[in-house]
Amino acid sequence: MSPGRRSLLSLAVIAIALLATWTAHRLEPPPPAPPGDAVQPVLDVAAGDVRAIAVRSWQGALRAHRTPSGWQVDEVRLGRGTSPPEAGTPVPAPGDVDQTLETLVGEIASLPEIDRFAPDGVSARDFGLDPPQATVTLELASGDRRTLEIGELTVTTSALYARVLPGSDVFQIGSLVFNNIAAALFRLRALADPAETAGGEP
């Protein structure tokens, strides 16, 4: 075979290889989305749209609303069996109040859904939702409200049952939600009325 024909054959082989590579690339399925992209928030609201929050649980109670100058606490109550703040516990500064509530609202608004299913005739009591262990209500700038009811631990004890009113679907959410509530109550405990530090149940 002449050198010229060998060169043409080599070029043809290279062209076929490039075409095969291009075709394989075009037919290759796109990579899966990052795990974070598949996370669906239970409440599906933007934290910045929240104008008020109300929490009722065995840990205590908290009500606050957003003002043009920051968050205003309307009520703090510690749950039964919770010791009141020690004498001399400093009252949180406005900046600390804002940070505490922005953190809590952000954590509740972005609370991820682990699983969701229809109860199919199973009583809400079986999920610990009648009555719930805790109720968190967010009031939005639009005037709408989102109410999250939190029930008992799941059978595997790795999550909590919950539902968003007025819906009937049951969700599974992470148990850290109680840590988030406890942290906010602890940081704001000095604002609690000593005469009302027992009885934060819903």
N, C-alpha and C. Protein backbone atom coordinates (compact mmCIF):
# COMPACT_ATOMS: atom_id res chain seq x y z
N MET A 1 0.86 -1.19 0.00
CA MET A 1 0.00 0.00 0.00
C MET A 1 0.89 1.23 0.00
N SER A 2 0.54 2.18 -0.85
CA SER A 2 1.36 3.36 -0.97
C SER A 2 1.23 4.24 0.30
N PRO A 3 2.28 5.03 0.56
CA PRO A 3 2.22 5.91 1.74
C PRO A 3 1.00 6.83 1.73
N GLY A 4 0.61 7.30 0.55
CA GLY A 4 -0.55 8.18 0.47
C GLY A 4 -1.84 7.49 0.90
N ARG A 5 -1.98 6.24 0.46
CA ARG A 5 -3.19 5.49 0.82
C ARG A 5 -3.19 5.16 2.30
N ARG A 6 -1.96 4.85 2.85
CA ARG A 6 -1.89 4.59 4.29
C ARG A 6 -2.30 5.82 5.09
N SER A 7 -1.90 6.99 4.65
CA SER A 7 -2.27 8.23 5.34
C SER A 7 -3.77 8.46 5.30
N LEU A 8 -4.35 8.20 4.11
CA LEU A 8 -5.81 8.37 3.99
C LEU A 8 -6.55 7.39 4.89
N LEU A 9 -6.05 6.15 4.98
CA LEU A 9 -6.68 5.13 5.82
C LEU A 9 -6.59 5.52 7.30
N SER A 10 -5.42 6.06 7.70
CA SER A 10 -5.24 6.49 9.10
C SER A 10 -6.20 7.63 9.44
N LEU A 11 -6.33 8.57 8.49
CA LEU A 11 -7.25 9.68 8.72
C LEU A 11 -8.69 9.20 8.83
N ALA A 12 -9.05 8.21 8.00
CA ALA A 12 -10.41 7.66 8.05
C ALA A 12 -10.67 6.98 9.38
N VAL A 13 -9.68 6.21 9.88
CA VAL A 13 -9.83 5.53 11.17
C VAL A 13 -10.00 6.56 12.29
N ILE A 14 -9.19 7.62 12.25
CA ILE A 14 -9.29 8.67 13.28
C ILE A 14 -10.66 9.34 13.23
N ALA A 15 -11.14 9.62 12.02
CA ALA A 15 -12.45 10.27 11.88
C ALA A 15 -13.56 9.38 12.42
N ILE A 16 -13.47 8.08 12.13
CA ILE A 16 -14.50 7.15 12.63
C ILE A 16 -14.46 7.08 14.16
N ALA A 17 -13.25 7.07 14.73
CA ALA A 17 -13.12 7.03 16.19
C ALA A 17 -13.71 8.30 16.82
N LEU A 18 -13.42 9.45 16.21
CA LEU A 18 -13.97 10.70 16.75
C LEU A 18 -15.49 10.72 16.65
N LEU A 19 -16.02 10.22 15.52
CA LEU A 19 -17.46 10.17 15.35
C LEU A 19 -18.10 9.25 16.38
N ALA A 20 -17.47 8.10 16.64
CA ALA A 20 -18.00 7.15 17.63
C ALA A 20 -17.99 7.76 19.03
N THR A 21 -16.89 8.48 19.35
CA THR A 21 -16.81 9.13 20.66
C THR A 21 -17.89 10.18 20.82
N TRP A 22 -18.09 11.00 19.78
CA TRP A 22 -19.10 12.06 19.82
C TRP A 22 -20.50 11.46 19.98
N THR A 23 -20.77 10.34 19.23
CA THR A 23 -22.08 9.69 19.31
C THR A 23 -22.32 9.12 20.71
N ALA A 24 -21.29 8.47 21.27
CA ALA A 24 -21.43 7.90 22.61
C ALA A 24 -21.69 8.98 23.65
N HIS A 25 -21.02 10.12 23.48
CA HIS A 25 -21.22 11.23 24.42
C HIS A 25 -22.64 11.77 24.34
N ARG A 26 -23.17 11.86 23.10
CA ARG A 26 -24.53 12.38 22.93
C ARG A 26 -25.56 11.42 23.50
N LEU A 27 -25.31 10.11 23.44
CA LEU A 27 -26.26 9.12 23.91
C LEU A 27 -26.13 8.83 25.40
N GLU A 28 -25.06 9.28 26.01
CA GLU A 28 -24.84 9.01 27.43
C GLU A 28 -25.89 9.76 28.26
N PRO A 29 -26.55 9.09 29.22
CA PRO A 29 -27.54 9.79 30.05
C PRO A 29 -26.88 10.84 30.92
N PRO A 30 -27.60 11.92 31.23
CA PRO A 30 -27.02 12.96 32.08
C PRO A 30 -26.72 12.40 33.46
N PRO A 31 -25.73 12.97 34.16
CA PRO A 31 -25.40 12.48 35.50
C PRO A 31 -26.56 12.75 36.46
N PRO A 32 -26.69 11.92 37.49
CA PRO A 32 -27.78 12.16 38.45
C PRO A 32 -27.60 13.48 39.17
N ALA A 33 -28.72 14.07 39.57
CA ALA A 33 -28.67 15.34 40.29
C ALA A 33 -28.01 15.13 41.65
N PRO A 34 -27.30 16.14 42.16
CA PRO A 34 -26.72 16.02 43.50
C PRO A 34 -27.80 15.70 44.52
N PRO A 35 -27.45 14.95 45.59
CA PRO A 35 -28.47 14.57 46.58
C PRO A 35 -29.25 15.76 47.13
N GLY A 36 -28.58 16.89 47.31
CA GLY A 36 -29.26 18.06 47.88
C GLY A 36 -30.39 18.58 47.01
N ASP A 37 -30.28 18.35 45.68
CA ASP A 37 -31.31 18.85 44.77
C ASP A 37 -32.61 18.08 44.92
N ALA A 38 -32.54 16.86 45.46
CA ALA A 38 -33.73 16.02 45.60
C ALA A 38 -34.46 16.26 46.92
N VAL A 39 -33.88 17.06 47.80
CA VAL A 39 -34.50 17.31 49.10
C VAL A 39 -35.71 18.22 48.93
N GLN A 40 -36.84 17.81 49.47
CA GLN A 40 -38.07 18.58 49.39
C GLN A 40 -38.42 19.09 50.78
N PRO A 41 -38.46 20.42 50.99
CA PRO A 41 -38.86 20.92 52.31
C PRO A 41 -40.31 20.56 52.62
N VAL A 42 -40.58 20.26 53.88
CA VAL A 42 -41.93 19.88 54.28
C VAL A 42 -42.89 21.05 54.11
N LEU A 43 -42.48 22.23 54.55
CA LEU A 43 -43.37 23.40 54.49
C LEU A 43 -43.25 24.16 53.18
N ASP A 44 -42.09 24.09 52.53
CA ASP A 44 -41.88 24.72 51.23
C ASP A 44 -42.22 26.22 51.26
N VAL A 45 -41.63 26.93 52.23
CA VAL A 45 -41.79 28.37 52.32
C VAL A 45 -40.40 29.00 52.43
N ALA A 46 -40.30 30.26 52.01
CA ALA A 46 -39.04 30.99 52.16
C ALA A 46 -39.00 31.61 53.55
N ALA A 47 -37.88 31.45 54.24
CA ALA A 47 -37.76 31.98 55.60
C ALA A 47 -38.02 33.49 55.63
N GLY A 48 -37.62 34.19 54.58
CA GLY A 48 -37.82 35.64 54.55
C GLY A 48 -39.27 36.06 54.44
N ASP A 49 -40.15 35.12 54.04
CA ASP A 49 -41.58 35.43 53.93
C ASP A 49 -42.32 35.23 55.25
N VAL A 50 -41.64 34.67 56.25
CA VAL A 50 -42.30 34.39 57.53
C VAL A 50 -42.39 35.67 58.34
N ARG A 51 -43.61 36.01 58.78
CA ARG A 51 -43.83 37.22 59.56
C ARG A 51 -44.11 36.93 61.03
N ALA A 52 -44.43 35.69 61.37
CA ALA A 52 -44.67 35.33 62.77
C ALA A 52 -44.49 33.83 62.92
N ILE A 53 -44.12 33.43 64.14
CA ILE A 53 -43.95 32.01 64.45
C ILE A 53 -44.55 31.74 65.82
N ALA A 54 -45.22 30.60 65.94
CA ALA A 54 -45.78 30.17 67.22
C ALA A 54 -45.43 28.71 67.41
N VAL A 55 -44.84 28.38 68.55
CA VAL A 55 -44.43 27.02 68.87
C VAL A 55 -45.09 26.60 70.16
N ARG A 56 -45.67 25.42 70.18
CA ARG A 56 -46.23 24.82 71.40
C ARG A 56 -45.74 23.40 71.48
N SER A 57 -45.11 23.03 72.57
CA SER A 57 -44.65 21.66 72.73
C SER A 57 -44.45 21.35 74.20
N TRP A 58 -44.10 20.09 74.49
CA TRP A 58 -43.79 19.71 75.86
C TRP A 58 -42.55 20.44 76.36
N GLN A 59 -41.77 20.99 75.43
CA GLN A 59 -40.56 21.72 75.83
C GLN A 59 -40.88 23.14 76.30
N GLY A 60 -42.00 23.67 75.84
CA GLY A 60 -42.37 25.04 76.18
C GLY A 60 -43.15 25.69 75.06
N ALA A 61 -43.25 26.99 75.13
CA ALA A 61 -44.01 27.74 74.13
C ALA A 61 -43.25 29.00 73.75
N LEU A 62 -43.43 29.40 72.51
CA LEU A 62 -42.77 30.59 72.00
C LEU A 62 -43.64 31.22 70.93
N ARG A 63 -43.85 32.52 71.05
CA ARG A 63 -44.55 33.29 70.02
C ARG A 63 -43.75 34.55 69.74
N ALA A 64 -43.60 34.88 68.46
CA ALA A 64 -42.86 36.09 68.09
C ALA A 64 -43.33 36.55 66.72
N HIS A 65 -43.15 37.83 66.47
CA HIS A 65 -43.50 38.36 65.15
C HIS A 65 -42.40 39.29 64.68
N ARG A 66 -42.31 39.44 63.36
CA ARG A 66 -41.28 40.27 62.75
C ARG A 66 -41.78 41.70 62.62
N THR A 67 -40.96 42.65 62.99
CA THR A 67 -41.27 44.07 62.85
C THR A 67 -40.24 44.69 61.90
N PRO A 68 -40.46 45.93 61.48
CA PRO A 68 -39.46 46.57 60.61
C PRO A 68 -38.07 46.65 61.23
N SER A 69 -38.01 46.67 62.57
CA SER A 69 -36.71 46.78 63.25
C SER A 69 -36.17 45.44 63.73
N GLY A 70 -36.89 44.36 63.48
CA GLY A 70 -36.40 43.05 63.92
C GLY A 70 -37.52 42.24 64.55
N TRP A 71 -37.13 41.13 65.19
CA TRP A 71 -38.12 40.24 65.80
C TRP A 71 -38.54 40.73 67.17
N GLN A 72 -39.84 40.62 67.45
CA GLN A 72 -40.40 40.98 68.75
C GLN A 72 -40.97 39.70 69.38
N VAL A 73 -40.49 39.36 70.58
CA VAL A 73 -40.97 38.17 71.28
C VAL A 73 -42.24 38.52 72.03
N ASP A 74 -43.31 37.76 71.78
CA ASP A 74 -44.60 37.98 72.45
C ASP A 74 -44.80 37.06 73.64
N GLU A 75 -44.18 35.89 73.61
CA GLU A 75 -44.35 34.93 74.70
C GLU A 75 -43.21 33.94 74.71
N VAL A 76 -42.72 33.65 75.90
CA VAL A 76 -41.79 32.55 76.12
C VAL A 76 -42.25 31.84 77.38
N ARG A 77 -42.50 30.54 77.25
CA ARG A 77 -42.86 29.72 78.41
C ARG A 77 -42.02 28.47 78.38
N LEU A 78 -41.52 28.08 79.54
CA LEU A 78 -40.73 26.87 79.65
C LEU A 78 -41.63 25.71 80.02
N GLY A 79 -41.32 24.52 79.51
CA GLY A 79 -42.16 23.36 79.74
C GLY A 79 -42.10 22.88 81.18
N ARG A 80 -43.04 22.03 81.51
CA ARG A 80 -43.09 21.45 82.86
C ARG A 80 -41.80 20.70 83.15
N GLY A 81 -41.32 20.88 84.37
CA GLY A 81 -40.09 20.21 84.77
C GLY A 81 -38.84 20.96 84.35
N THR A 82 -39.01 22.07 83.63
CA THR A 82 -37.87 22.88 83.22
C THR A 82 -37.60 23.96 84.26
N SER A 83 -36.38 24.03 84.73
CA SER A 83 -36.05 25.02 85.74
C SER A 83 -36.04 26.42 85.13
N PRO A 84 -36.57 27.40 85.85
CA PRO A 84 -36.51 28.77 85.34
C PRO A 84 -35.06 29.25 85.29
N PRO A 85 -34.80 30.29 84.53
CA PRO A 85 -33.41 30.78 84.45
C PRO A 85 -32.91 31.24 85.81
N GLU A 86 -31.63 31.04 86.04
CA GLU A 86 -31.04 31.44 87.31
C GLU A 86 -31.06 32.96 87.43
N ALA A 87 -31.07 33.41 88.67
CA ALA A 87 -31.03 34.85 88.92
C ALA A 87 -29.77 35.44 88.28
N GLY A 88 -29.96 36.55 87.62
CA GLY A 88 -28.83 37.19 86.97
C GLY A 88 -28.61 36.75 85.54
N THR A 89 -29.44 35.81 85.05
CA THR A 89 -29.31 35.43 83.64
C THR A 89 -29.62 36.64 82.77
N PRO A 90 -28.69 37.06 81.92
CA PRO A 90 -28.92 38.29 81.16
C PRO A 90 -30.04 38.15 80.15
N VAL A 91 -30.80 39.21 80.01
CA VAL A 91 -31.84 39.25 78.97
C VAL A 91 -31.15 39.38 77.61
N PRO A 92 -31.53 38.57 76.65
CA PRO A 92 -30.84 38.64 75.35
C PRO A 92 -31.02 40.00 74.68
N ALA A 93 -29.95 40.48 74.08
CA ALA A 93 -29.99 41.75 73.36
C ALA A 93 -30.83 41.58 72.10
N PRO A 94 -31.35 42.69 71.55
CA PRO A 94 -32.16 42.59 70.33
C PRO A 94 -31.47 41.83 69.20
N GLY A 95 -30.17 42.02 69.06
CA GLY A 95 -29.45 41.31 68.01
C GLY A 95 -29.44 39.81 68.24
N ASP A 96 -29.33 39.41 69.52
CA ASP A 96 -29.35 37.97 69.84
C ASP A 96 -30.74 37.39 69.61
N VAL A 97 -31.78 38.17 69.93
CA VAL A 97 -33.16 37.72 69.69
C VAL A 97 -33.37 37.51 68.19
N ASP A 98 -32.93 38.49 67.40
CA ASP A 98 -33.08 38.37 65.94
C ASP A 98 -32.36 37.14 65.41
N GLN A 99 -31.13 36.92 65.87
CA GLN A 99 -30.36 35.78 65.37
C GLN A 99 -31.02 34.47 65.77
N THR A 100 -31.50 34.40 67.02
CA THR A 100 -32.14 33.17 67.50
C THR A 100 -33.38 32.84 66.68
N LEU A 101 -34.21 33.83 66.42
CA LEU A 101 -35.45 33.58 65.70
C LEU A 101 -35.22 33.38 64.20
N GLU A 102 -34.27 34.10 63.64
CA GLU A 102 -33.95 33.86 62.22
C GLU A 102 -33.43 32.43 62.04
N THR A 103 -32.63 31.96 62.99
CA THR A 103 -32.11 30.59 62.91
C THR A 103 -33.24 29.58 63.03
N LEU A 104 -34.12 29.77 64.01
CA LEU A 104 -35.22 28.82 64.21
C LEU A 104 -36.16 28.81 63.00
N VAL A 105 -36.53 29.99 62.51
CA VAL A 105 -37.42 30.07 61.36
C VAL A 105 -36.78 29.43 60.13
N GLY A 106 -35.50 29.69 59.93
CA GLY A 106 -34.80 29.09 58.79
C GLY A 106 -34.76 27.58 58.87
N GLU A 107 -34.54 27.06 60.08
CA GLU A 107 -34.48 25.60 60.24
C GLU A 107 -35.86 24.96 60.03
N ILE A 108 -36.91 25.61 60.53
CA ILE A 108 -38.26 25.06 60.36
C ILE A 108 -38.69 25.17 58.90
N ALA A 109 -38.43 26.32 58.27
CA ALA A 109 -38.87 26.52 56.89
C ALA A 109 -38.19 25.56 55.92
N SER A 110 -36.96 25.16 56.22
CA SER A 110 -36.21 24.29 55.31
C SER A 110 -36.19 22.84 55.78
N LEU A 111 -36.98 22.50 56.78
CA LEU A 111 -37.01 21.15 57.33
C LEU A 111 -37.26 20.14 56.22
N PRO A 112 -36.33 19.22 55.97
CA PRO A 112 -36.50 18.31 54.82
C PRO A 112 -37.46 17.17 55.09
N GLU A 113 -38.14 16.79 54.04
CA GLU A 113 -39.05 15.65 54.07
C GLU A 113 -38.25 14.37 53.80
N ILE A 114 -38.28 13.44 54.76
CA ILE A 114 -37.59 12.16 54.57
C ILE A 114 -38.47 11.21 53.78
N ASP A 115 -39.75 11.18 54.12
CA ASP A 115 -40.69 10.30 53.43
C ASP A 115 -42.08 10.89 53.58
N ARG A 116 -42.98 10.45 52.70
CA ARG A 116 -44.37 10.91 52.76
C ARG A 116 -45.28 9.77 52.31
N PHE A 117 -46.42 9.64 52.98
CA PHE A 117 -47.36 8.59 52.59
C PHE A 117 -48.75 8.96 53.08
N ALA A 118 -49.75 8.39 52.45
CA ALA A 118 -51.14 8.58 52.89
C ALA A 118 -51.41 7.63 54.06
N PRO A 119 -52.09 8.08 55.09
CA PRO A 119 -52.31 7.23 56.26
C PRO A 119 -53.22 6.03 55.99
N ASP A 120 -54.03 6.11 54.92
CA ASP A 120 -54.87 4.96 54.53
C ASP A 120 -55.69 4.40 55.68
N GLY A 121 -56.39 5.27 56.36
CA GLY A 121 -57.31 4.83 57.40
C GLY A 121 -56.68 4.61 58.76
N VAL A 122 -55.35 4.72 58.86
CA VAL A 122 -54.69 4.56 60.16
C VAL A 122 -54.96 5.81 60.99
N SER A 123 -55.30 5.61 62.25
CA SER A 123 -55.63 6.73 63.13
C SER A 123 -54.42 7.65 63.34
N ALA A 124 -54.70 8.95 63.40
CA ALA A 124 -53.63 9.92 63.68
C ALA A 124 -52.99 9.65 65.03
N ARG A 125 -53.75 9.05 65.95
CA ARG A 125 -53.20 8.73 67.27
C ARG A 125 -52.05 7.73 67.17
N ASP A 126 -52.12 6.83 66.16
CA ASP A 126 -51.06 5.84 65.99
C ASP A 126 -49.74 6.47 65.57
N PHE A 127 -49.80 7.68 65.03
CA PHE A 127 -48.58 8.40 64.65
C PHE A 127 -48.18 9.42 65.72
N GLY A 128 -48.93 9.46 66.83
CA GLY A 128 -48.64 10.45 67.86
C GLY A 128 -49.08 11.85 67.47
N LEU A 129 -50.06 11.92 66.56
CA LEU A 129 -50.52 13.22 66.06
C LEU A 129 -51.88 13.63 66.62
N ASP A 130 -52.40 12.87 67.54
CA ASP A 130 -53.70 13.19 68.15
C ASP A 130 -53.67 12.86 69.65
N PRO A 131 -53.17 13.78 70.48
CA PRO A 131 -52.65 15.11 70.12
C PRO A 131 -51.17 15.03 69.71
N PRO A 132 -50.68 16.06 69.02
CA PRO A 132 -49.27 16.07 68.62
C PRO A 132 -48.35 16.40 69.79
N GLN A 133 -47.09 16.05 69.64
CA GLN A 133 -46.09 16.44 70.64
C GLN A 133 -45.78 17.93 70.55
N ALA A 134 -45.88 18.46 69.36
CA ALA A 134 -45.56 19.88 69.16
C ALA A 134 -46.31 20.39 67.95
N THR A 135 -46.58 21.69 67.97
CA THR A 135 -47.21 22.38 66.85
C THR A 135 -46.41 23.64 66.55
N VAL A 136 -46.04 23.81 65.29
CA VAL A 136 -45.32 25.00 64.86
C VAL A 136 -46.13 25.65 63.76
N THR A 137 -46.50 26.92 63.96
CA THR A 137 -47.28 27.66 62.96
C THR A 137 -46.46 28.84 62.46
N LEU A 138 -46.33 28.92 61.16
CA LEU A 138 -45.65 30.06 60.52
C LEU A 138 -46.69 30.90 59.80
N GLU A 139 -46.70 32.18 60.07
CA GLU A 139 -47.59 33.11 59.36
C GLU A 139 -46.76 33.84 58.31
N LEU A 140 -47.24 33.82 57.07
CA LEU A 140 -46.48 34.37 55.95
C LEU A 140 -46.91 35.79 55.63
N ALA A 141 -46.09 36.48 54.85
CA ALA A 141 -46.38 37.85 54.45
C ALA A 141 -47.69 37.93 53.67
N SER A 142 -48.06 36.86 52.99
CA SER A 142 -49.30 36.83 52.22
C SER A 142 -50.53 36.70 53.10
N GLY A 143 -50.33 36.41 54.38
CA GLY A 143 -51.44 36.15 55.28
C GLY A 143 -51.74 34.68 55.44
N ASP A 144 -51.17 33.83 54.59
CA ASP A 144 -51.34 32.38 54.71
C ASP A 144 -50.60 31.87 55.93
N ARG A 145 -51.03 30.69 56.38
CA ARG A 145 -50.37 30.04 57.51
C ARG A 145 -49.98 28.62 57.13
N ARG A 146 -48.87 28.17 57.67
CA ARG A 146 -48.44 26.79 57.53
C ARG A 146 -48.29 26.24 58.96
N THR A 147 -49.03 25.18 59.26
CA THR A 147 -48.98 24.58 60.59
C THR A 147 -48.42 23.18 60.49
N LEU A 148 -47.33 22.95 61.20
CA LEU A 148 -46.67 21.65 61.24
C LEU A 148 -46.97 21.00 62.59
N GLU A 149 -47.57 19.82 62.53
CA GLU A 149 -47.80 19.03 63.75
C GLU A 149 -46.76 17.92 63.79
N ILE A 150 -46.13 17.76 64.94
CA ILE A 150 -45.06 16.78 65.11
C ILE A 150 -45.52 15.70 66.06
N GLY A 151 -45.40 14.45 65.63
CA GLY A 151 -45.87 13.32 66.42
C GLY A 151 -44.76 12.54 67.08
N GLU A 152 -44.96 11.23 67.16
CA GLU A 152 -44.02 10.34 67.85
C GLU A 152 -42.89 9.90 66.92
N LEU A 153 -41.91 9.22 67.52
CA LEU A 153 -40.84 8.61 66.76
C LEU A 153 -41.39 7.50 65.87
N THR A 154 -40.78 7.32 64.72
CA THR A 154 -41.16 6.23 63.83
C THR A 154 -40.76 4.89 64.45
N VAL A 155 -41.19 3.81 63.83
CA VAL A 155 -40.90 2.47 64.35
C VAL A 155 -39.40 2.24 64.48
N THR A 156 -38.63 2.80 63.55
CA THR A 156 -37.17 2.63 63.59
C THR A 156 -36.49 3.61 64.53
N THR A 157 -37.27 4.53 65.11
CA THR A 157 -36.78 5.57 66.03
C THR A 157 -35.76 6.50 65.37
N SER A 158 -35.69 6.50 64.04
CA SER A 158 -34.72 7.35 63.35
C SER A 158 -35.33 8.65 62.84
N ALA A 159 -36.65 8.80 62.99
CA ALA A 159 -37.32 10.01 62.50
C ALA A 159 -38.61 10.21 63.30
N LEU A 160 -39.30 11.30 63.00
CA LEU A 160 -40.57 11.62 63.65
C LEU A 160 -41.67 11.66 62.61
N TYR A 161 -42.87 11.27 63.03
CA TYR A 161 -44.03 11.45 62.17
C TYR A 161 -44.49 12.90 62.28
N ALA A 162 -45.03 13.43 61.19
CA ALA A 162 -45.52 14.81 61.19
C ALA A 162 -46.56 14.96 60.08
N ARG A 163 -47.31 16.04 60.14
CA ARG A 163 -48.22 16.39 59.06
C ARG A 163 -48.34 17.90 58.99
N VAL A 164 -48.72 18.39 57.82
CA VAL A 164 -48.90 19.82 57.61
C VAL A 164 -50.38 20.06 57.39
N LEU A 165 -50.99 20.81 58.27
CA LEU A 165 -52.42 21.10 58.16
C LEU A 165 -52.67 22.13 57.07
N PRO A 166 -53.77 22.00 56.33
CA PRO A 166 -54.89 21.08 56.52
C PRO A 166 -54.74 19.76 55.77
N GLY A 167 -53.54 19.42 55.31
CA GLY A 167 -53.35 18.19 54.57
C GLY A 167 -53.47 16.97 55.45
N SER A 168 -53.59 15.81 54.81
CA SER A 168 -53.75 14.56 55.56
C SER A 168 -52.55 13.64 55.42
N ASP A 169 -51.65 13.92 54.47
CA ASP A 169 -50.47 13.06 54.31
C ASP A 169 -49.62 13.10 55.56
N VAL A 170 -48.97 11.97 55.86
CA VAL A 170 -48.06 11.88 56.99
C VAL A 170 -46.63 11.91 56.46
N PHE A 171 -45.80 12.71 57.09
CA PHE A 171 -44.40 12.84 56.70
C PHE A 171 -43.51 12.17 57.74
N GLN A 172 -42.29 11.93 57.34
CA GLN A 172 -41.25 11.60 58.29
C GLN A 172 -40.22 12.72 58.23
N ILE A 173 -39.87 13.25 59.40
CA ILE A 173 -38.91 14.34 59.49
C ILE A 173 -37.84 13.97 60.51
N GLY A 174 -36.72 14.66 60.47
CA GLY A 174 -35.63 14.40 61.40
C GLY A 174 -35.97 14.83 62.82
N SER A 175 -35.46 14.10 63.78
CA SER A 175 -35.76 14.39 65.19
C SER A 175 -35.01 15.62 65.71
N LEU A 176 -34.09 16.17 64.91
CA LEU A 176 -33.36 17.37 65.35
C LEU A 176 -34.26 18.59 65.50
N VAL A 177 -35.48 18.50 65.00
CA VAL A 177 -36.40 19.64 65.14
C VAL A 177 -36.60 19.99 66.61
N PHE A 178 -36.62 18.99 67.49
CA PHE A 178 -36.77 19.27 68.92
C PHE A 178 -35.53 19.93 69.49
N ASN A 179 -34.36 19.58 68.97
CA ASN A 179 -33.14 20.27 69.39
C ASN A 179 -33.19 21.74 69.01
N ASN A 180 -33.72 22.02 67.80
CA ASN A 180 -33.80 23.40 67.33
C ASN A 180 -34.74 24.22 68.22
N ILE A 181 -35.88 23.62 68.59
CA ILE A 181 -36.82 24.32 69.46
C ILE A 181 -36.21 24.54 70.84
N ALA A 182 -35.56 23.51 71.37
CA ALA A 182 -34.95 23.61 72.70
C ALA A 182 -33.87 24.68 72.72
N ALA A 183 -33.09 24.77 71.65
CA ALA A 183 -32.02 25.77 71.59
C ALA A 183 -32.60 27.18 71.62
N ALA A 184 -33.68 27.42 70.87
CA ALA A 184 -34.31 28.75 70.86
C ALA A 184 -34.87 29.10 72.23
N LEU A 185 -35.55 28.14 72.87
CA LEU A 185 -36.12 28.40 74.20
C LEU A 185 -35.01 28.68 75.22
N PHE A 186 -33.91 27.96 75.10
CA PHE A 186 -32.81 28.18 76.03
C PHE A 186 -32.22 29.57 75.87
N ARG A 187 -32.03 30.00 74.63
CA ARG A 187 -31.43 31.32 74.39
C ARG A 187 -32.36 32.46 74.81
N LEU A 188 -33.67 32.19 74.78
CA LEU A 188 -34.64 33.24 75.12
C LEU A 188 -35.24 33.05 76.51
N ARG A 189 -34.71 32.12 77.29
CA ARG A 189 -35.34 31.74 78.57
C ARG A 189 -35.47 32.89 79.55
N ALA A 190 -34.55 33.87 79.46
CA ALA A 190 -34.61 35.00 80.39
C ALA A 190 -35.81 35.89 80.14
N LEU A 191 -36.49 35.73 78.99
CA LEU A 191 -37.68 36.52 78.69
C LEU A 191 -38.96 35.86 79.21
N ALA A 192 -38.82 34.66 79.77
CA ALA A 192 -40.00 33.96 80.26
C ALA A 192 -40.52 34.58 81.54
N ASP A 193 -41.84 34.57 81.70
CA ASP A 193 -42.47 35.03 82.93
C ASP A 193 -42.29 33.94 83.98
N PRO A 194 -41.62 34.23 85.11
CA PRO A 194 -41.40 33.19 86.14
C PRO A 194 -42.67 32.54 86.61
N ALA A 195 -43.79 33.25 86.55
CA ALA A 195 -45.06 32.69 87.01
C ALA A 195 -45.67 31.73 85.98
N GLU A 196 -45.10 31.69 84.78
CA GLU A 196 -45.66 30.86 83.74
C GLU A 196 -44.62 29.93 83.14
N THR A 197 -43.71 29.45 83.94
CA THR A 197 -42.66 28.59 83.41
C THR A 197 -43.02 27.11 83.51
N ALA A 198 -44.30 26.83 83.62
CA ALA A 198 -44.74 25.44 83.60
C ALA A 198 -45.97 25.34 82.72
N GLY A 199 -45.88 24.49 81.73
CA GLY A 199 -47.08 24.27 80.92
C GLY A 199 -46.99 24.79 79.53
N GLY A 200 -45.98 24.37 78.78
CA GLY A 200 -45.87 24.80 77.39
C GLY A 200 -46.47 23.82 76.42
N GLU A 201 -47.25 22.84 76.91
CA GLU A 201 -47.80 21.85 76.00
C GLU A 201 -48.80 22.49 75.05
N PRO A 202 -48.98 21.88 73.87
CA PRO A 202 -49.96 22.42 72.91
C PRO A 202 -51.36 22.28 73.42
